[in-house]
């Protein structure tokens, strides 16, 4: 099995990280609103690329700390 080229996914994730930083640094409501749209679009692009590559979303069960310790000790 050949490894998949994930360079596009990595670039999308870097862009998303950068845009989130810009969103957090936005100074007025109009800029925040615009950047929020860009962040959502980039999140969608990342999710689409992950689906394209066949990466499944891992569903983590809700567990309390006590439940987790009990499972680890079993």
N, C-alpha and C. Protein backbone atom coordinates (compact mmCIF):
# COMPACT_ATOMS: atom_id res chain seq x y z
N UNK A 1 0.84 -1.18 0.00
CA UNK A 1 0.00 0.00 0.00
C UNK A 1 0.89 1.25 0.00
N UNK A 2 0.62 2.15 -0.91
CA UNK A 2 1.43 3.36 -0.99
C UNK A 2 0.85 4.43 -0.08
N UNK A 3 1.70 5.21 0.54
CA UNK A 3 1.20 6.27 1.42
C UNK A 3 0.50 7.35 0.60
N UNK A 4 -0.51 7.95 1.22
CA UNK A 4 -1.26 9.00 0.54
C UNK A 4 -0.53 10.33 0.66
N UNK A 5 -0.68 11.14 -0.35
CA UNK A 5 -0.11 12.48 -0.33
C UNK A 5 -1.05 13.38 0.45
N UNK A 6 -0.62 13.80 1.61
CA UNK A 6 -1.45 14.63 2.47
C UNK A 6 -1.00 16.09 2.46
N UNK A 7 -0.16 16.45 1.49
CA UNK A 7 0.38 17.82 1.47
C UNK A 7 -0.73 18.86 1.31
N UNK A 8 -1.77 18.56 0.55
CA UNK A 8 -2.88 19.51 0.39
C UNK A 8 -3.61 19.68 1.71
N UNK A 9 -3.84 18.58 2.42
CA UNK A 9 -4.50 18.65 3.73
C UNK A 9 -3.66 19.46 4.70
N UNK A 10 -2.37 19.25 4.71
CA UNK A 10 -1.48 20.00 5.61
C UNK A 10 -1.55 21.50 5.29
N UNK A 11 -1.55 21.84 4.01
CA UNK A 11 -1.63 23.25 3.61
C UNK A 11 -2.96 23.86 4.04
N UNK A 12 -4.06 23.11 3.88
CA UNK A 12 -5.36 23.60 4.31
C UNK A 12 -5.40 23.82 5.82
N UNK A 13 -4.83 22.89 6.56
CA UNK A 13 -4.83 23.01 8.02
C UNK A 13 -3.97 24.19 8.47
N UNK A 14 -2.88 24.44 7.79
CA UNK A 14 -2.04 25.60 8.12
C UNK A 14 -2.79 26.89 7.83
N UNK A 15 -3.49 26.92 6.70
CA UNK A 15 -4.29 28.10 6.36
C UNK A 15 -5.39 28.33 7.38
N UNK A 16 -6.02 27.25 7.83
CA UNK A 16 -7.07 27.36 8.84
C UNK A 16 -6.50 27.90 10.15
N UNK A 17 -5.36 27.40 10.54
CA UNK A 17 -4.72 27.88 11.76
C UNK A 17 -4.41 29.38 11.66
N UNK A 18 -3.87 29.79 10.52
CA UNK A 18 -3.55 31.20 10.32
C UNK A 18 -4.82 32.06 10.35
N UNK A 19 -5.87 31.59 9.71
CA UNK A 19 -7.11 32.37 9.67
C UNK A 19 -7.76 32.46 11.05
N UNK A 20 -7.65 31.41 11.84
CA UNK A 20 -8.17 31.47 13.22
C UNK A 20 -7.41 32.52 14.03
N UNK A 21 -6.11 32.62 13.82
CA UNK A 21 -5.32 33.64 14.51
C UNK A 21 -5.77 35.03 14.08
N UNK A 22 -6.00 35.21 12.79
CA UNK A 22 -6.47 36.51 12.31
C UNK A 22 -7.86 36.83 12.86
N UNK A 23 -8.71 35.81 12.94
CA UNK A 23 -10.05 36.01 13.51
C UNK A 23 -9.94 36.48 14.96
N UNK A 24 -9.09 35.81 15.73
CA UNK A 24 -8.92 36.18 17.14
C UNK A 24 -8.32 37.57 17.32
N UNK A 25 -7.58 38.04 16.33
CA UNK A 25 -6.97 39.36 16.40
C UNK A 25 -7.84 40.45 15.79
N UNK A 26 -8.97 40.08 15.22
CA UNK A 26 -9.83 41.06 14.55
C UNK A 26 -10.29 42.12 15.55
N UNK A 27 -10.36 43.36 15.09
CA UNK A 27 -10.62 44.48 15.99
C UNK A 27 -12.05 45.01 15.94
N UNK A 28 -12.78 44.72 14.90
CA UNK A 28 -14.14 45.25 14.84
C UNK A 28 -15.12 44.15 14.43
N UNK A 29 -16.40 44.34 14.70
CA UNK A 29 -17.40 43.29 14.43
C UNK A 29 -17.49 42.90 12.96
N UNK A 30 -17.32 43.85 12.06
CA UNK A 30 -17.39 43.52 10.63
C UNK A 30 -16.26 42.59 10.22
N UNK A 31 -15.06 42.88 10.71
CA UNK A 31 -13.92 42.02 10.39
C UNK A 31 -14.10 40.64 11.01
N UNK A 32 -14.59 40.58 12.24
CA UNK A 32 -14.82 39.29 12.90
C UNK A 32 -15.84 38.47 12.12
N UNK A 33 -16.90 39.12 11.66
CA UNK A 33 -17.94 38.42 10.91
C UNK A 33 -17.38 37.86 9.61
N UNK A 34 -16.61 38.66 8.89
CA UNK A 34 -16.01 38.21 7.64
C UNK A 34 -15.03 37.06 7.88
N UNK A 35 -14.18 37.21 8.87
CA UNK A 35 -13.20 36.16 9.14
C UNK A 35 -13.87 34.88 9.64
N UNK A 36 -15.00 35.01 10.35
CA UNK A 36 -15.73 33.83 10.80
C UNK A 36 -16.23 33.03 9.59
N UNK A 37 -16.66 33.71 8.55
CA UNK A 37 -17.09 33.03 7.32
C UNK A 37 -15.90 32.30 6.71
N UNK A 38 -14.75 32.95 6.66
CA UNK A 38 -13.56 32.32 6.08
C UNK A 38 -13.13 31.10 6.90
N UNK A 39 -13.21 31.21 8.22
CA UNK A 39 -12.84 30.07 9.08
C UNK A 39 -13.78 28.90 8.80
N UNK A 40 -15.08 29.16 8.74
CA UNK A 40 -16.04 28.06 8.47
C UNK A 40 -15.77 27.43 7.11
N UNK A 41 -15.45 28.24 6.11
CA UNK A 41 -15.16 27.70 4.78
C UNK A 41 -13.91 26.82 4.82
N UNK A 42 -12.88 27.27 5.50
CA UNK A 42 -11.67 26.46 5.60
C UNK A 42 -11.91 25.18 6.39
N UNK A 43 -12.74 25.25 7.44
CA UNK A 43 -13.08 24.03 8.18
C UNK A 43 -13.78 23.03 7.27
N UNK A 44 -14.67 23.52 6.41
CA UNK A 44 -15.37 22.65 5.46
C UNK A 44 -14.38 22.04 4.47
N UNK A 45 -13.45 22.85 3.97
CA UNK A 45 -12.45 22.33 3.03
C UNK A 45 -11.58 21.26 3.67
N UNK A 46 -11.18 21.45 4.93
CA UNK A 46 -10.39 20.45 5.64
C UNK A 46 -11.20 19.16 5.78
N UNK A 47 -12.46 19.27 6.18
CA UNK A 47 -13.31 18.09 6.35
C UNK A 47 -13.50 17.37 5.02
N UNK A 48 -13.70 18.13 3.95
CA UNK A 48 -13.85 17.52 2.62
C UNK A 48 -12.59 16.78 2.19
N UNK A 49 -11.44 17.38 2.45
CA UNK A 49 -10.17 16.74 2.09
C UNK A 49 -9.95 15.48 2.91
N UNK A 50 -10.29 15.52 4.21
CA UNK A 50 -10.16 14.33 5.05
C UNK A 50 -11.05 13.21 4.52
N UNK A 51 -12.28 13.55 4.12
CA UNK A 51 -13.17 12.54 3.55
C UNK A 51 -12.59 11.99 2.25
N UNK A 52 -12.07 12.87 1.40
CA UNK A 52 -11.47 12.46 0.14
C UNK A 52 -10.33 11.48 0.37
N UNK A 53 -9.53 11.74 1.40
CA UNK A 53 -8.39 10.88 1.70
C UNK A 53 -8.80 9.60 2.43
N UNK A 54 -10.06 9.53 2.85
CA UNK A 54 -10.54 8.33 3.53
C UNK A 54 -10.31 8.32 5.02
N UNK A 55 -10.01 9.48 5.57
CA UNK A 55 -9.83 9.56 7.02
C UNK A 55 -11.19 9.57 7.68
N UNK A 56 -11.41 8.67 8.59
CA UNK A 56 -12.69 8.61 9.31
C UNK A 56 -12.60 9.47 10.55
N UNK A 57 -13.69 10.08 10.88
CA UNK A 57 -13.76 10.81 12.14
C UNK A 57 -13.86 9.79 13.26
N UNK A 58 -13.04 9.94 14.25
CA UNK A 58 -13.04 9.02 15.38
C UNK A 58 -14.03 9.53 16.40
N UNK A 59 -15.01 8.69 16.71
CA UNK A 59 -16.01 9.04 17.71
C UNK A 59 -15.50 8.58 19.07
N UNK A 60 -15.31 9.52 19.95
CA UNK A 60 -14.86 9.19 21.30
C UNK A 60 -16.07 9.12 22.22
N UNK A 61 -16.22 8.01 22.94
CA UNK A 61 -17.34 7.91 23.86
C UNK A 61 -17.19 8.88 25.02
N UNK A 62 -18.33 9.34 25.52
CA UNK A 62 -18.31 10.22 26.69
C UNK A 62 -17.95 9.37 27.90
N UNK A 63 -16.89 9.76 28.60
CA UNK A 63 -16.45 9.01 29.77
C UNK A 63 -16.04 10.00 30.86
N UNK A 64 -16.37 9.63 32.07
CA UNK A 64 -15.88 10.42 33.19
C UNK A 64 -14.45 9.97 33.49
N UNK A 65 -13.76 10.72 34.30
CA UNK A 65 -12.41 10.31 34.69
C UNK A 65 -12.43 8.96 35.40
N UNK A 66 -13.46 8.75 36.21
CA UNK A 66 -13.57 7.48 36.94
C UNK A 66 -13.79 6.31 35.97
N UNK A 67 -14.64 6.53 34.93
CA UNK A 67 -14.87 5.48 33.93
C UNK A 67 -13.57 5.15 33.19
N UNK A 68 -12.83 6.18 32.84
CA UNK A 68 -11.58 5.98 32.14
C UNK A 68 -10.58 5.20 32.99
N UNK A 69 -10.46 5.57 34.26
CA UNK A 69 -9.54 4.85 35.15
C UNK A 69 -9.96 3.40 35.30
N UNK A 70 -11.26 3.15 35.41
CA UNK A 70 -11.75 1.77 35.54
C UNK A 70 -11.39 0.96 34.29
N UNK A 71 -11.54 1.57 33.11
CA UNK A 71 -11.20 0.86 31.87
C UNK A 71 -9.70 0.60 31.79
N UNK A 72 -8.90 1.55 32.21
CA UNK A 72 -7.45 1.37 32.16
C UNK A 72 -6.98 0.29 33.14
N UNK A 73 -7.66 0.20 34.29
CA UNK A 73 -7.27 -0.78 35.30
C UNK A 73 -7.75 -2.19 34.97
N UNK A 74 -8.73 -2.30 34.08
CA UNK A 74 -9.29 -3.62 33.73
C UNK A 74 -8.34 -4.43 32.87
